[in-house]
Amino acid sequence: MPKQRTIDLARRDQREGKSASTQAGEFVREEIELLRKGAHGVRSTKQAIAIGLSKARRAGVKLPPPKAGKASEKTREKARRDLEKARQGGGQPVSRKRSRATLDALKRESRAPASKTALAKQSRAVARQRTPAERSASAQKAARTRASRSH
């Protein structure tokens, strides 16, 4: 369950007209903080980001599932389920056994993927896959929607 502060920051980003991925970034940031504090671990930096994106979708951020070919069908299906869960507003009760099992499994994993070096490596790898035009468009939009960050 995300902290109320994280939800408020994401909503503020939404009001300021920022993209869904920027709004979701607040949830990813919270997940990285949890990892660094030792709440649980992850196999990879990608998994940490995926958990944050899942929380964002369930909290109501309108982040579309990845396009076909960009991610596995399993990942795309999970993203669709998360969006549906947000639309329904919770719904069925959460299985305590499953939640406990998931958390126990994550607690056995490493905290290293949340390190600054691991995150930097992931960022560079993703940036390399984008074309110069995509990077430029992204930077221009960031400049347009940039406000004085106060947190």
N, C-alpha and C. Protein backbone atom coordinates (compact mmCIF):
# COMPACT_ATOMS: atom_id res chain seq x y z
N MET A 1 0.84 -1.19 0.00
CA MET A 1 0.00 0.00 0.00
C MET A 1 0.89 1.25 0.00
N PRO A 2 0.73 2.11 -1.00
CA PRO A 2 1.57 3.31 -1.06
C PRO A 2 1.21 4.30 0.06
N LYS A 3 2.18 5.10 0.44
CA LYS A 3 1.95 6.13 1.46
C LYS A 3 1.04 7.21 0.86
N GLN A 4 0.29 7.87 1.73
CA GLN A 4 -0.61 8.94 1.28
C GLN A 4 0.19 10.07 0.62
N ARG A 5 1.39 10.34 1.15
CA ARG A 5 2.24 11.40 0.60
C ARG A 5 2.58 11.11 -0.87
N THR A 6 2.87 9.86 -1.17
CA THR A 6 3.20 9.47 -2.54
C THR A 6 2.01 9.70 -3.46
N ILE A 7 0.82 9.31 -3.01
CA ILE A 7 -0.40 9.50 -3.79
C ILE A 7 -0.65 10.98 -4.02
N ASP A 8 -0.45 11.80 -2.97
CA ASP A 8 -0.64 13.26 -3.09
C ASP A 8 0.33 13.88 -4.10
N LEU A 9 1.60 13.42 -4.05
CA LEU A 9 2.61 13.94 -4.99
C LEU A 9 2.24 13.58 -6.43
N ALA A 10 1.76 12.35 -6.63
CA ALA A 10 1.36 11.91 -7.98
C ALA A 10 0.16 12.72 -8.47
N ARG A 11 -0.78 12.98 -7.58
CA ARG A 11 -1.96 13.79 -7.96
C ARG A 11 -1.56 15.21 -8.31
N ARG A 12 -0.57 15.75 -7.58
CA ARG A 12 -0.09 17.10 -7.88
C ARG A 12 0.53 17.12 -9.28
N ASP A 13 1.33 16.08 -9.59
CA ASP A 13 1.92 15.98 -10.92
C ASP A 13 0.83 15.95 -11.99
N GLN A 14 -0.27 15.24 -11.69
CA GLN A 14 -1.38 15.13 -12.64
C GLN A 14 -2.02 16.51 -12.86
N ARG A 15 -2.24 17.24 -11.77
CA ARG A 15 -2.83 18.59 -11.88
C ARG A 15 -1.94 19.53 -12.68
N GLU A 16 -0.62 19.33 -12.57
CA GLU A 16 0.34 20.18 -13.28
C GLU A 16 0.47 19.78 -14.75
N GLY A 17 -0.28 18.75 -15.17
CA GLY A 17 -0.27 18.33 -16.57
C GLY A 17 0.91 17.47 -16.96
N LYS A 18 1.55 16.85 -15.97
CA LYS A 18 2.70 16.01 -16.27
C LYS A 18 2.23 14.64 -16.74
N SER A 19 3.11 13.94 -17.44
CA SER A 19 2.76 12.66 -18.04
C SER A 19 2.49 11.59 -16.97
N ALA A 20 1.81 10.53 -17.40
CA ALA A 20 1.49 9.42 -16.49
C ALA A 20 2.76 8.78 -15.96
N SER A 21 3.81 8.72 -16.80
CA SER A 21 5.06 8.09 -16.34
C SER A 21 5.72 8.94 -15.26
N THR A 22 5.57 10.27 -15.32
CA THR A 22 6.11 11.15 -14.29
C THR A 22 5.35 10.93 -12.99
N GLN A 23 4.02 10.81 -13.11
CA GLN A 23 3.19 10.55 -11.92
C GLN A 23 3.60 9.21 -11.30
N ALA A 24 3.81 8.21 -12.14
CA ALA A 24 4.19 6.87 -11.67
C ALA A 24 5.58 6.89 -11.04
N GLY A 25 6.41 7.84 -11.46
CA GLY A 25 7.76 7.96 -10.92
C GLY A 25 7.78 8.14 -9.41
N GLU A 26 6.74 8.78 -8.88
CA GLU A 26 6.64 8.97 -7.43
C GLU A 26 6.55 7.62 -6.72
N PHE A 27 5.81 6.69 -7.32
CA PHE A 27 5.63 5.36 -6.73
C PHE A 27 6.92 4.54 -6.85
N VAL A 28 7.62 4.72 -7.97
CA VAL A 28 8.89 4.02 -8.17
C VAL A 28 9.90 4.54 -7.14
N ARG A 29 9.91 5.86 -6.93
CA ARG A 29 10.81 6.47 -5.95
C ARG A 29 10.53 5.91 -4.55
N GLU A 30 9.25 5.77 -4.21
CA GLU A 30 8.88 5.23 -2.90
C GLU A 30 9.38 3.78 -2.76
N GLU A 31 9.25 3.01 -3.83
CA GLU A 31 9.69 1.61 -3.82
C GLU A 31 11.20 1.51 -3.60
N ILE A 32 11.94 2.39 -4.26
CA ILE A 32 13.41 2.40 -4.10
C ILE A 32 13.77 2.74 -2.65
N GLU A 33 13.05 3.70 -2.05
CA GLU A 33 13.28 4.06 -0.66
C GLU A 33 13.04 2.86 0.25
N LEU A 34 11.95 2.13 0.00
CA LEU A 34 11.63 0.93 0.80
C LEU A 34 12.75 -0.09 0.72
N LEU A 35 13.28 -0.28 -0.50
CA LEU A 35 14.37 -1.23 -0.70
C LEU A 35 15.62 -0.80 0.08
N ARG A 36 15.92 0.49 0.02
CA ARG A 36 17.12 0.99 0.69
C ARG A 36 17.00 0.89 2.21
N LYS A 37 15.76 1.03 2.70
CA LYS A 37 15.54 0.89 4.15
C LYS A 37 15.57 -0.57 4.58
N GLY A 38 15.48 -1.48 3.60
CA GLY A 38 15.55 -2.90 3.91
C GLY A 38 14.21 -3.57 4.15
N ALA A 39 13.11 -2.94 3.69
CA ALA A 39 11.78 -3.53 3.87
C ALA A 39 11.70 -4.88 3.16
N HIS A 40 12.30 -4.94 1.98
CA HIS A 40 12.41 -6.19 1.22
C HIS A 40 13.48 -6.02 0.17
N GLY A 41 13.71 -7.03 -0.66
CA GLY A 41 14.70 -6.96 -1.71
C GLY A 41 14.07 -7.27 -3.06
N VAL A 42 14.86 -7.26 -4.11
CA VAL A 42 14.39 -7.60 -5.46
C VAL A 42 15.50 -8.30 -6.22
N ARG A 43 15.13 -9.00 -7.28
CA ARG A 43 16.14 -9.69 -8.11
C ARG A 43 16.93 -8.68 -8.94
N SER A 44 16.21 -7.67 -9.43
CA SER A 44 16.85 -6.72 -10.34
C SER A 44 16.23 -5.34 -10.19
N THR A 45 16.92 -4.35 -10.76
CA THR A 45 16.42 -2.98 -10.74
C THR A 45 15.10 -2.91 -11.51
N LYS A 46 15.00 -3.68 -12.59
CA LYS A 46 13.77 -3.71 -13.40
C LYS A 46 12.59 -4.16 -12.54
N GLN A 47 12.81 -5.15 -11.67
CA GLN A 47 11.73 -5.65 -10.82
C GLN A 47 11.28 -4.56 -9.85
N ALA A 48 12.21 -3.81 -9.30
CA ALA A 48 11.87 -2.72 -8.38
C ALA A 48 11.00 -1.69 -9.09
N ILE A 49 11.37 -1.35 -10.32
CA ILE A 49 10.61 -0.39 -11.11
C ILE A 49 9.23 -0.94 -11.42
N ALA A 50 9.17 -2.23 -11.77
CA ALA A 50 7.90 -2.88 -12.10
C ALA A 50 6.94 -2.86 -10.91
N ILE A 51 7.46 -3.08 -9.71
CA ILE A 51 6.62 -3.06 -8.51
C ILE A 51 6.05 -1.65 -8.31
N GLY A 52 6.90 -0.64 -8.50
CA GLY A 52 6.45 0.75 -8.37
C GLY A 52 5.39 1.10 -9.39
N LEU A 53 5.56 0.65 -10.65
CA LEU A 53 4.57 0.93 -11.70
C LEU A 53 3.25 0.24 -11.40
N SER A 54 3.33 -0.98 -10.87
CA SER A 54 2.12 -1.73 -10.51
C SER A 54 1.34 -0.98 -9.44
N LYS A 55 2.06 -0.48 -8.42
CA LYS A 55 1.41 0.28 -7.34
C LYS A 55 0.77 1.54 -7.90
N ALA A 56 1.46 2.18 -8.85
CA ALA A 56 0.94 3.41 -9.45
C ALA A 56 -0.37 3.14 -10.19
N ARG A 57 -0.38 2.08 -11.00
CA ARG A 57 -1.60 1.74 -11.75
C ARG A 57 -2.75 1.44 -10.80
N ARG A 58 -2.48 0.69 -9.73
CA ARG A 58 -3.53 0.34 -8.78
C ARG A 58 -4.02 1.57 -8.02
N ALA A 59 -3.16 2.59 -7.89
CA ALA A 59 -3.54 3.81 -7.19
C ALA A 59 -4.29 4.79 -8.11
N GLY A 60 -4.44 4.40 -9.39
CA GLY A 60 -5.24 5.23 -10.29
C GLY A 60 -4.47 6.05 -11.31
N VAL A 61 -3.15 5.88 -11.42
CA VAL A 61 -2.39 6.58 -12.46
C VAL A 61 -2.72 5.92 -13.79
N LYS A 62 -3.12 6.71 -14.77
CA LYS A 62 -3.55 6.16 -16.07
C LYS A 62 -2.34 5.86 -16.95
N LEU A 63 -1.56 4.91 -16.51
CA LEU A 63 -0.34 4.49 -17.22
C LEU A 63 -0.69 3.29 -18.09
N PRO A 64 -0.66 3.45 -19.42
CA PRO A 64 -1.07 2.33 -20.28
C PRO A 64 -0.12 1.15 -20.20
N PRO A 65 -0.63 -0.06 -20.48
CA PRO A 65 0.25 -1.24 -20.49
C PRO A 65 1.28 -1.08 -21.61
N PRO A 66 2.42 -1.77 -21.50
CA PRO A 66 3.43 -1.67 -22.55
C PRO A 66 2.88 -2.18 -23.89
N LYS A 67 3.40 -1.64 -24.97
CA LYS A 67 2.94 -2.06 -26.31
C LYS A 67 3.42 -3.49 -26.60
N ALA A 68 2.73 -4.13 -27.54
CA ALA A 68 3.10 -5.50 -27.93
C ALA A 68 4.54 -5.51 -28.43
N GLY A 69 5.32 -6.46 -27.97
CA GLY A 69 6.72 -6.54 -28.39
C GLY A 69 7.67 -5.81 -27.47
N LYS A 70 7.15 -4.87 -26.67
CA LYS A 70 8.00 -4.12 -25.74
C LYS A 70 8.19 -4.88 -24.44
N ALA A 71 7.18 -5.69 -24.09
CA ALA A 71 7.24 -6.48 -22.85
C ALA A 71 6.52 -7.79 -23.10
N SER A 72 6.73 -8.74 -22.21
CA SER A 72 6.09 -10.05 -22.38
C SER A 72 4.58 -9.94 -22.23
N GLU A 73 3.87 -10.89 -22.78
CA GLU A 73 2.41 -10.90 -22.70
C GLU A 73 1.97 -10.98 -21.24
N LYS A 74 2.74 -11.69 -20.44
CA LYS A 74 2.46 -11.84 -19.02
C LYS A 74 2.50 -10.46 -18.32
N THR A 75 3.52 -9.68 -18.64
CA THR A 75 3.69 -8.34 -18.07
C THR A 75 2.55 -7.43 -18.50
N ARG A 76 2.21 -7.50 -19.79
CA ARG A 76 1.13 -6.66 -20.33
C ARG A 76 -0.21 -7.00 -19.68
N GLU A 77 -0.43 -8.29 -19.45
CA GLU A 77 -1.67 -8.75 -18.80
C GLU A 77 -1.74 -8.25 -17.36
N LYS A 78 -0.61 -8.30 -16.65
CA LYS A 78 -0.55 -7.81 -15.27
C LYS A 78 -0.87 -6.32 -15.22
N ALA A 79 -0.34 -5.56 -16.17
CA ALA A 79 -0.60 -4.12 -16.24
C ALA A 79 -2.09 -3.86 -16.48
N ARG A 80 -2.70 -4.66 -17.37
CA ARG A 80 -4.15 -4.50 -17.63
C ARG A 80 -4.95 -4.81 -16.36
N ARG A 81 -4.54 -5.86 -15.64
CA ARG A 81 -5.24 -6.23 -14.40
C ARG A 81 -5.13 -5.12 -13.36
N ASP A 82 -3.94 -4.51 -13.26
CA ASP A 82 -3.72 -3.43 -12.29
C ASP A 82 -4.63 -2.24 -12.60
N LEU A 83 -4.72 -1.89 -13.90
CA LEU A 83 -5.59 -0.77 -14.30
C LEU A 83 -7.05 -1.08 -13.99
N GLU A 84 -7.45 -2.32 -14.24
CA GLU A 84 -8.82 -2.74 -13.96
C GLU A 84 -9.12 -2.68 -12.47
N LYS A 85 -8.13 -3.07 -11.67
CA LYS A 85 -8.27 -3.05 -10.21
C LYS A 85 -8.51 -1.61 -9.72
N ALA A 86 -7.79 -0.67 -10.33
CA ALA A 86 -7.95 0.74 -9.95
C ALA A 86 -9.35 1.22 -10.33
N ARG A 87 -9.81 0.79 -11.49
CA ARG A 87 -11.14 1.21 -11.97
C ARG A 87 -12.24 0.68 -11.05
N GLN A 88 -12.07 -0.55 -10.57
CA GLN A 88 -13.06 -1.16 -9.69
C GLN A 88 -13.00 -0.59 -8.28
N GLY A 89 -11.86 -0.04 -7.92
CA GLY A 89 -11.72 0.51 -6.58
C GLY A 89 -11.54 -0.57 -5.53
N GLY A 90 -10.55 -1.42 -5.73
CA GLY A 90 -10.27 -2.47 -4.73
C GLY A 90 -10.95 -3.76 -5.08
N GLY A 91 -12.19 -3.93 -4.64
CA GLY A 91 -12.93 -5.13 -4.98
C GLY A 91 -12.73 -6.23 -3.96
N GLN A 92 -12.18 -7.36 -4.41
CA GLN A 92 -12.07 -8.53 -3.55
C GLN A 92 -11.02 -8.34 -2.45
N PRO A 93 -11.23 -9.01 -1.31
CA PRO A 93 -10.25 -8.91 -0.24
C PRO A 93 -8.92 -9.55 -0.66
N VAL A 94 -7.83 -9.03 -0.10
CA VAL A 94 -6.50 -9.53 -0.44
C VAL A 94 -6.23 -10.81 0.34
N SER A 95 -5.64 -11.79 -0.33
CA SER A 95 -5.29 -13.05 0.32
C SER A 95 -4.10 -12.83 1.26
N ARG A 96 -4.32 -13.06 2.56
CA ARG A 96 -3.25 -12.85 3.54
C ARG A 96 -2.09 -13.82 3.30
N LYS A 97 -2.43 -15.07 2.95
CA LYS A 97 -1.39 -16.08 2.72
C LYS A 97 -0.52 -15.69 1.53
N ARG A 98 -1.16 -15.25 0.46
CA ARG A 98 -0.41 -14.89 -0.74
C ARG A 98 0.46 -13.67 -0.49
N SER A 99 -0.10 -12.66 0.20
CA SER A 99 0.65 -11.45 0.52
C SER A 99 1.88 -11.79 1.35
N ARG A 100 1.68 -12.64 2.37
CA ARG A 100 2.78 -13.03 3.24
C ARG A 100 3.85 -13.79 2.45
N ALA A 101 3.42 -14.70 1.59
CA ALA A 101 4.35 -15.51 0.80
C ALA A 101 5.18 -14.62 -0.14
N THR A 102 4.52 -13.65 -0.77
CA THR A 102 5.21 -12.73 -1.68
C THR A 102 6.26 -11.92 -0.93
N LEU A 103 5.84 -11.36 0.22
CA LEU A 103 6.76 -10.54 1.00
C LEU A 103 7.94 -11.37 1.52
N ASP A 104 7.65 -12.59 1.98
CA ASP A 104 8.73 -13.47 2.46
C ASP A 104 9.73 -13.78 1.35
N ALA A 105 9.21 -14.01 0.13
CA ALA A 105 10.07 -14.29 -1.01
C ALA A 105 10.95 -13.07 -1.33
N LEU A 106 10.34 -11.88 -1.30
CA LEU A 106 11.09 -10.65 -1.59
C LEU A 106 12.12 -10.37 -0.52
N LYS A 107 11.84 -10.73 0.71
CA LYS A 107 12.79 -10.49 1.81
C LYS A 107 14.06 -11.32 1.65
N ARG A 108 13.97 -12.40 0.91
CA ARG A 108 15.16 -13.24 0.68
C ARG A 108 16.05 -12.68 -0.44
N GLU A 109 15.53 -11.71 -1.18
CA GLU A 109 16.29 -11.15 -2.31
C GLU A 109 17.24 -10.04 -1.86
N SER A 110 18.08 -9.61 -2.79
CA SER A 110 19.11 -8.61 -2.53
C SER A 110 18.55 -7.19 -2.48
N ARG A 111 19.27 -6.31 -1.78
CA ARG A 111 18.92 -4.88 -1.76
C ARG A 111 19.80 -4.11 -2.75
N ALA A 112 20.81 -4.78 -3.30
CA ALA A 112 21.78 -4.12 -4.19
C ALA A 112 21.16 -3.46 -5.43
N PRO A 113 20.07 -4.03 -6.02
CA PRO A 113 19.51 -3.38 -7.20
C PRO A 113 18.96 -1.96 -6.96
N ALA A 114 18.86 -1.54 -5.69
CA ALA A 114 18.39 -0.20 -5.39
C ALA A 114 19.54 0.78 -5.18
N SER A 115 20.78 0.31 -5.39
CA SER A 115 21.94 1.18 -5.19
C SER A 115 22.00 2.22 -6.31
N LYS A 116 22.72 3.29 -6.03
CA LYS A 116 22.85 4.37 -7.02
C LYS A 116 23.49 3.86 -8.31
N THR A 117 24.50 3.01 -8.17
CA THR A 117 25.19 2.51 -9.36
C THR A 117 24.26 1.63 -10.19
N ALA A 118 23.47 0.77 -9.54
CA ALA A 118 22.56 -0.12 -10.26
C ALA A 118 21.48 0.70 -10.99
N LEU A 119 20.96 1.73 -10.32
CA LEU A 119 19.93 2.57 -10.94
C LEU A 119 20.51 3.37 -12.11
N ALA A 120 21.73 3.86 -11.95
CA ALA A 120 22.38 4.62 -13.02
C ALA A 120 22.62 3.73 -14.23
N LYS A 121 23.05 2.51 -13.98
CA LYS A 121 23.31 1.54 -15.05
C LYS A 121 22.02 1.25 -15.82
N GLN A 122 20.92 1.05 -15.07
CA GLN A 122 19.61 0.80 -15.68
C GLN A 122 19.16 1.99 -16.53
N SER A 123 19.32 3.19 -15.98
CA SER A 123 18.92 4.42 -16.70
C SER A 123 19.68 4.57 -18.01
N ARG A 124 20.98 4.32 -17.95
CA ARG A 124 21.80 4.45 -19.16
C ARG A 124 21.39 3.41 -20.20
N ALA A 125 21.12 2.20 -19.74
CA ALA A 125 20.74 1.12 -20.66
C ALA A 125 19.45 1.46 -21.38
N VAL A 126 18.48 2.01 -20.65
CA VAL A 126 17.18 2.38 -21.24
C VAL A 126 17.35 3.57 -22.17
N ALA A 127 18.17 4.55 -21.77
CA ALA A 127 18.39 5.73 -22.60
C ALA A 127 19.03 5.36 -23.93
N ARG A 128 19.94 4.38 -23.90
CA ARG A 128 20.61 3.94 -25.14
C ARG A 128 19.63 3.38 -26.16
N GLN A 129 18.51 2.83 -25.68
CA GLN A 129 17.54 2.22 -26.59
C GLN A 129 16.65 3.26 -27.28
N ARG A 130 16.68 4.50 -26.79
CA ARG A 130 15.83 5.53 -27.38
C ARG A 130 16.57 6.28 -28.49
N THR A 131 15.82 6.73 -29.49
CA THR A 131 16.43 7.47 -30.58
C THR A 131 16.70 8.90 -30.12
N PRO A 132 17.62 9.60 -30.81
CA PRO A 132 17.88 11.01 -30.45
C PRO A 132 16.60 11.86 -30.51
N ALA A 133 15.73 11.57 -31.48
CA ALA A 133 14.48 12.33 -31.62
C ALA A 133 13.58 12.12 -30.40
N GLU A 134 13.50 10.88 -29.93
CA GLU A 134 12.69 10.58 -28.74
C GLU A 134 13.24 11.27 -27.51
N ARG A 135 14.57 11.24 -27.37
CA ARG A 135 15.20 11.89 -26.22
C ARG A 135 14.97 13.40 -26.26
N SER A 136 15.05 13.97 -27.44
CA SER A 136 14.85 15.41 -27.60
C SER A 136 13.42 15.81 -27.27
N ALA A 137 12.46 15.05 -27.79
CA ALA A 137 11.04 15.33 -27.53
C ALA A 137 10.74 15.24 -26.05
N SER A 138 11.32 14.26 -25.40
CA SER A 138 11.13 14.06 -23.96
C SER A 138 11.69 15.25 -23.17
N ALA A 139 12.88 15.71 -23.56
CA ALA A 139 13.51 16.83 -22.88
C ALA A 139 12.71 18.12 -23.08
N GLN A 140 12.18 18.30 -24.30
CA GLN A 140 11.38 19.49 -24.57
C GLN A 140 10.10 19.51 -23.75
N LYS A 141 9.45 18.33 -23.63
CA LYS A 141 8.23 18.26 -22.83
C LYS A 141 8.55 18.52 -21.36
N ALA A 142 9.68 17.99 -20.89
CA ALA A 142 10.09 18.20 -19.50
C ALA A 142 10.28 19.70 -19.23
N ALA A 143 10.88 20.39 -20.20
CA ALA A 143 11.12 21.83 -20.04
C ALA A 143 9.79 22.59 -19.99
N ARG A 144 8.83 22.14 -20.81
CA ARG A 144 7.51 22.82 -20.84
C ARG A 144 6.74 22.64 -19.53
N THR A 145 6.83 21.44 -18.97
CA THR A 145 6.00 21.13 -17.80
C THR A 145 6.77 21.27 -16.47
N ARG A 146 8.01 21.71 -16.56
CA ARG A 146 8.82 21.82 -15.35
C ARG A 146 8.28 22.95 -14.45
N ALA A 147 8.08 22.61 -13.19
CA ALA A 147 7.68 23.62 -12.19
C ALA A 147 8.71 23.56 -11.09
N SER A 148 8.70 24.56 -10.23
CA SER A 148 9.69 24.53 -9.14
C SER A 148 9.31 23.39 -8.19
N ARG A 149 10.18 22.40 -8.12
CA ARG A 149 9.90 21.23 -7.25
C ARG A 149 10.17 21.63 -5.80
N SER A 150 9.19 21.37 -4.97
CA SER A 150 9.29 21.81 -3.58
C SER A 150 9.38 20.66 -2.59
N HIS A 151 9.68 19.44 -3.10
CA HIS A 151 9.80 18.34 -2.13
C HIS A 151 11.14 17.66 -2.20
